[in-house]
């Protein structure tokens, strides 16, 4: 029987930050998510090996 791995995330809400910081954090988190999805796709489809050097070269 194949077991599934559960991936969890931590969500933090920042209440007292200025608008520029909010925009920068939104930009960074959006692109980090896109990068994660791209790397996950490459590893699952065996296009890249799950080591930082191969992923770095492909991304």
N, C-alpha and C. Protein backbone atom coordinates (compact mmCIF):
# COMPACT_ATOMS: atom_id res chain seq x y z
N UNK A 1 0.84 -1.18 0.00
CA UNK A 1 0.00 0.00 0.00
C UNK A 1 0.89 1.25 0.00
N UNK A 2 0.56 2.19 -0.83
CA UNK A 2 1.34 3.42 -0.95
C UNK A 2 0.83 4.46 0.05
N UNK A 3 1.76 5.05 0.78
CA UNK A 3 1.36 6.08 1.75
C UNK A 3 1.58 7.45 1.16
N UNK A 4 0.74 8.38 1.53
CA UNK A 4 0.87 9.75 1.06
C UNK A 4 1.54 10.59 2.13
N UNK A 5 2.42 11.48 1.71
CA UNK A 5 3.04 12.40 2.63
C UNK A 5 2.17 13.65 2.75
N UNK A 6 2.02 14.13 3.95
CA UNK A 6 1.23 15.32 4.19
C UNK A 6 2.15 16.52 4.29
N UNK A 7 1.86 17.54 3.53
CA UNK A 7 2.64 18.78 3.58
C UNK A 7 1.83 19.81 4.33
N UNK A 8 2.45 20.45 5.27
CA UNK A 8 1.76 21.45 6.08
C UNK A 8 2.43 22.80 5.90
N UNK A 9 1.68 23.82 6.14
CA UNK A 9 2.24 25.17 6.05
C UNK A 9 1.84 25.95 7.30
N UNK A 10 2.59 26.98 7.55
CA UNK A 10 2.32 27.86 8.68
C UNK A 10 1.82 29.18 8.13
N UNK A 11 0.72 29.65 8.67
CA UNK A 11 0.15 30.91 8.23
C UNK A 11 0.27 31.93 9.35
N UNK A 12 0.86 33.06 9.03
CA UNK A 12 1.06 34.13 10.01
C UNK A 12 0.37 35.38 9.49
N UNK A 13 -0.38 36.03 10.35
CA UNK A 13 -1.05 37.27 9.97
C UNK A 13 -0.33 38.44 10.65
N UNK A 14 0.12 39.38 9.84
CA UNK A 14 0.81 40.56 10.35
C UNK A 14 -0.18 41.72 10.40
N UNK A 15 -0.40 42.26 11.57
CA UNK A 15 -1.42 43.29 11.74
C UNK A 15 -0.90 44.71 11.55
N UNK A 16 0.28 45.01 12.05
CA UNK A 16 0.76 46.40 12.07
C UNK A 16 1.95 46.60 11.15
N UNK A 17 1.72 46.52 9.85
CA UNK A 17 2.81 46.79 8.90
C UNK A 17 2.34 47.86 7.92
N UNK A 18 3.30 48.59 7.39
CA UNK A 18 2.94 49.64 6.45
C UNK A 18 2.62 49.05 5.07
N UNK A 19 2.10 49.87 4.20
CA UNK A 19 1.62 49.40 2.90
C UNK A 19 2.76 48.89 2.02
N UNK A 20 3.91 49.54 2.05
CA UNK A 20 5.04 49.12 1.22
C UNK A 20 5.53 47.74 1.65
N UNK A 21 5.64 47.52 2.95
CA UNK A 21 6.05 46.21 3.45
C UNK A 21 5.05 45.14 3.06
N UNK A 22 3.78 45.47 3.13
CA UNK A 22 2.74 44.53 2.74
C UNK A 22 2.85 44.16 1.27
N UNK A 23 3.11 45.13 0.42
CA UNK A 23 3.24 44.88 -1.02
C UNK A 23 4.47 44.01 -1.29
N UNK A 24 5.59 44.32 -0.65
CA UNK A 24 6.81 43.54 -0.85
C UNK A 24 6.62 42.10 -0.37
N UNK A 25 6.03 41.92 0.81
CA UNK A 25 5.80 40.56 1.30
C UNK A 25 4.83 39.79 0.41
N UNK A 26 3.82 40.45 -0.11
CA UNK A 26 2.89 39.81 -1.03
C UNK A 26 3.58 39.36 -2.30
N UNK A 27 4.45 40.23 -2.83
CA UNK A 27 5.21 39.91 -4.03
C UNK A 27 6.13 38.70 -3.79
N UNK A 28 6.85 38.73 -2.67
CA UNK A 28 7.78 37.64 -2.37
C UNK A 28 7.07 36.32 -2.14
N UNK A 29 5.97 36.34 -1.41
CA UNK A 29 5.26 35.08 -1.15
C UNK A 29 4.61 34.53 -2.41
N UNK A 30 4.11 35.39 -3.26
CA UNK A 30 3.52 34.94 -4.52
C UNK A 30 4.56 34.23 -5.38
N UNK A 31 5.72 34.85 -5.53
CA UNK A 31 6.76 34.27 -6.38
C UNK A 31 7.42 33.04 -5.74
N UNK A 32 7.49 33.00 -4.42
CA UNK A 32 8.00 31.80 -3.75
C UNK A 32 7.07 30.62 -4.01
N UNK A 33 5.77 30.86 -3.99
CA UNK A 33 4.81 29.80 -4.28
C UNK A 33 4.92 29.32 -5.71
N UNK A 34 5.09 30.24 -6.66
CA UNK A 34 5.25 29.86 -8.06
C UNK A 34 6.53 29.05 -8.26
N UNK A 35 7.62 29.45 -7.59
CA UNK A 35 8.88 28.73 -7.69
C UNK A 35 8.75 27.32 -7.11
N UNK A 36 8.06 27.20 -5.97
CA UNK A 36 7.82 25.89 -5.37
C UNK A 36 7.04 24.99 -6.33
N UNK A 37 5.99 25.52 -6.94
CA UNK A 37 5.19 24.73 -7.87
C UNK A 37 6.00 24.27 -9.07
N UNK A 38 6.83 25.14 -9.59
CA UNK A 38 7.67 24.79 -10.74
C UNK A 38 8.67 23.70 -10.37
N UNK A 39 9.33 23.85 -9.23
CA UNK A 39 10.30 22.84 -8.79
C UNK A 39 9.61 21.51 -8.51
N UNK A 40 8.45 21.56 -7.88
CA UNK A 40 7.68 20.35 -7.59
C UNK A 40 7.29 19.63 -8.88
N UNK A 41 6.88 20.38 -9.89
CA UNK A 41 6.53 19.81 -11.19
C UNK A 41 7.74 19.11 -11.83
N UNK A 42 8.90 19.78 -11.79
CA UNK A 42 10.10 19.21 -12.40
C UNK A 42 10.52 17.91 -11.71
N UNK A 43 10.43 17.87 -10.39
CA UNK A 43 10.83 16.68 -9.65
C UNK A 43 9.82 15.55 -9.86
N UNK A 44 8.53 15.86 -9.82
CA UNK A 44 7.51 14.81 -9.99
C UNK A 44 7.56 14.20 -11.37
N UNK A 45 7.88 14.98 -12.39
CA UNK A 45 7.95 14.46 -13.76
C UNK A 45 9.34 14.00 -14.15
N UNK A 46 10.22 13.91 -13.17
CA UNK A 46 11.60 13.41 -13.35
C UNK A 46 12.37 14.18 -14.41
N UNK A 47 12.11 15.48 -14.48
CA UNK A 47 12.86 16.35 -15.37
C UNK A 47 14.10 16.87 -14.65
N UNK A 48 14.01 17.00 -13.35
CA UNK A 48 15.14 17.45 -12.52
C UNK A 48 15.26 16.52 -11.32
N UNK A 49 16.48 16.42 -10.82
CA UNK A 49 16.72 15.64 -9.61
C UNK A 49 16.48 16.53 -8.40
N UNK A 50 16.03 15.93 -7.29
CA UNK A 50 15.73 16.75 -6.12
C UNK A 50 16.97 17.15 -5.33
N UNK A 51 17.93 17.78 -5.99
CA UNK A 51 19.05 18.38 -5.26
C UNK A 51 19.16 19.83 -5.70
N UNK A 52 19.70 20.65 -4.82
CA UNK A 52 19.65 22.09 -5.07
C UNK A 52 20.43 22.53 -6.30
N UNK A 53 21.48 21.81 -6.67
CA UNK A 53 22.28 22.23 -7.81
C UNK A 53 21.55 21.98 -9.14
N UNK A 54 20.90 20.82 -9.26
CA UNK A 54 20.16 20.52 -10.49
C UNK A 54 18.94 21.45 -10.61
N UNK A 55 18.22 21.64 -9.53
CA UNK A 55 17.07 22.55 -9.56
C UNK A 55 17.49 23.98 -9.86
N UNK A 56 18.62 24.40 -9.27
CA UNK A 56 19.12 25.76 -9.51
C UNK A 56 19.40 25.96 -11.00
N UNK A 57 20.00 24.98 -11.64
CA UNK A 57 20.32 25.09 -13.06
C UNK A 57 19.07 25.08 -13.93
N UNK A 58 18.05 24.33 -13.54
CA UNK A 58 16.84 24.24 -14.34
C UNK A 58 15.92 25.44 -14.11
N UNK A 59 15.95 26.04 -12.92
CA UNK A 59 15.06 27.15 -12.62
C UNK A 59 15.78 28.47 -12.77
